[in-house]
Amino acid sequence: MLSHEDWIMIRELYDHGMSISEISRRLHIDRKTDRKYAKSKDIPRFELYRIYSKLKQYNYTTSYVYILCIFIN
């Protein structure tokens, strides 16, 4: 994720007519990331979320499988 200052710089360069490819070359960022930041009117926000395992309810089973894998290898 880029900082707020990076987003401002990308927006200023894009508004002055510099191409997305040229901005990404100068700032050493991916072209797709540059496009996303250049086209957005405000800074993109990211939310973290948890991915819960379907095996969480079978915690003893996963530990048993893990122990079995250790002994097999």
Protein backbone atom coordinates (compact mmCIF):
# COMPACT_ATOMS: atom_id res chain seq x y z
CA MET A 1 0.00 0.00 0.00
CA LEU A 2 1.31 3.43 -0.89
CA SER A 3 1.38 6.36 1.51
CA HIS A 4 -0.80 9.43 1.34
CA GLU A 5 2.13 11.46 -0.03
CA ASP A 6 2.64 8.92 -2.85
CA TRP A 7 -1.03 9.19 -3.76
CA ILE A 8 -0.79 12.99 -3.89
CA MET A 9 2.31 12.79 -6.12
CA ILE A 10 0.64 10.32 -8.49
CA ARG A 11 -2.48 12.50 -8.72
CA GLU A 12 -0.45 15.66 -9.41
CA LEU A 13 1.63 14.02 -12.14
CA TYR A 14 -1.47 12.49 -13.72
CA ASP A 15 -3.37 15.79 -13.60
CA HIS A 16 -0.44 17.53 -15.33
CA GLY A 17 -0.80 15.14 -18.25
CA MET A 18 1.88 12.52 -17.56
CA SER A 19 0.95 9.03 -18.72
CA ILE A 20 0.37 6.21 -16.27
CA SER A 21 3.25 4.21 -17.74
CA GLU A 22 5.66 7.12 -17.28
CA ILE A 23 4.53 7.69 -13.68
CA SER A 24 4.99 4.03 -12.85
CA ARG A 25 8.49 4.05 -14.36
CA ARG A 26 9.53 7.15 -12.43
CA LEU A 27 8.11 6.00 -9.10
CA HIS A 28 9.03 2.31 -9.52
CA ILE A 29 5.53 1.01 -8.88
CA ASP A 30 3.32 -1.38 -10.77
CA ARG A 31 1.32 0.13 -13.64
CA LYS A 32 -1.96 -1.34 -12.35
CA THR A 33 -1.39 0.16 -8.91
CA ASP A 34 -0.55 3.47 -10.51
CA ARG A 35 -3.74 3.39 -12.57
CA LYS A 36 -5.83 2.64 -9.49
CA TYR A 37 -4.33 5.53 -7.54
CA ALA A 38 -4.42 7.96 -10.49
CA LYS A 39 -8.09 7.35 -11.28
CA SER A 40 -9.32 7.50 -7.67
CA LYS A 41 -10.68 10.78 -6.36
CA ASP A 42 -9.67 9.99 -2.78
CA ILE A 43 -7.00 7.71 -1.36
CA PRO A 44 -7.97 4.03 -1.64
CA ARG A 45 -8.68 2.43 1.72
CA PHE A 46 -7.99 -1.16 2.58
CA GLU A 47 -9.77 -3.18 5.20
CA LEU A 48 -8.28 -6.21 6.82
CA TYR A 49 -10.55 -9.12 7.49
CA ARG A 50 -10.05 -12.50 9.04
CA ILE A 51 -10.32 -15.71 7.14
CA TYR A 52 -11.66 -18.36 9.42
CA SER A 53 -10.71 -21.92 8.83
CA LYS A 54 -13.48 -24.43 8.28
CA LEU A 55 -11.45 -26.84 10.39
CA LYS A 56 -11.37 -24.59 13.45
CA GLN A 57 -14.18 -26.50 15.10
CA TYR A 58 -12.15 -29.70 14.68
CA ASN A 59 -9.03 -28.35 16.33
CA TYR A 60 -8.02 -31.73 17.77
CA THR A 61 -8.25 -33.27 14.31
CA THR A 62 -5.96 -30.74 12.69
CA SER A 63 -3.35 -31.17 15.42
CA TYR A 64 -3.66 -34.95 15.05
CA VAL A 65 -3.15 -34.67 11.27
CA TYR A 66 -0.17 -32.36 11.82
CA ILE A 67 1.43 -34.87 14.18
CA LEU A 68 0.78 -37.69 11.71
CA CYS A 69 2.46 -35.72 8.92
CA ILE A 70 5.54 -35.22 11.08
CA PHE A 71 5.88 -38.92 11.81
CA ILE A 72 5.26 -39.98 8.22
CA ASN A 73 7.95 -37.68 6.86
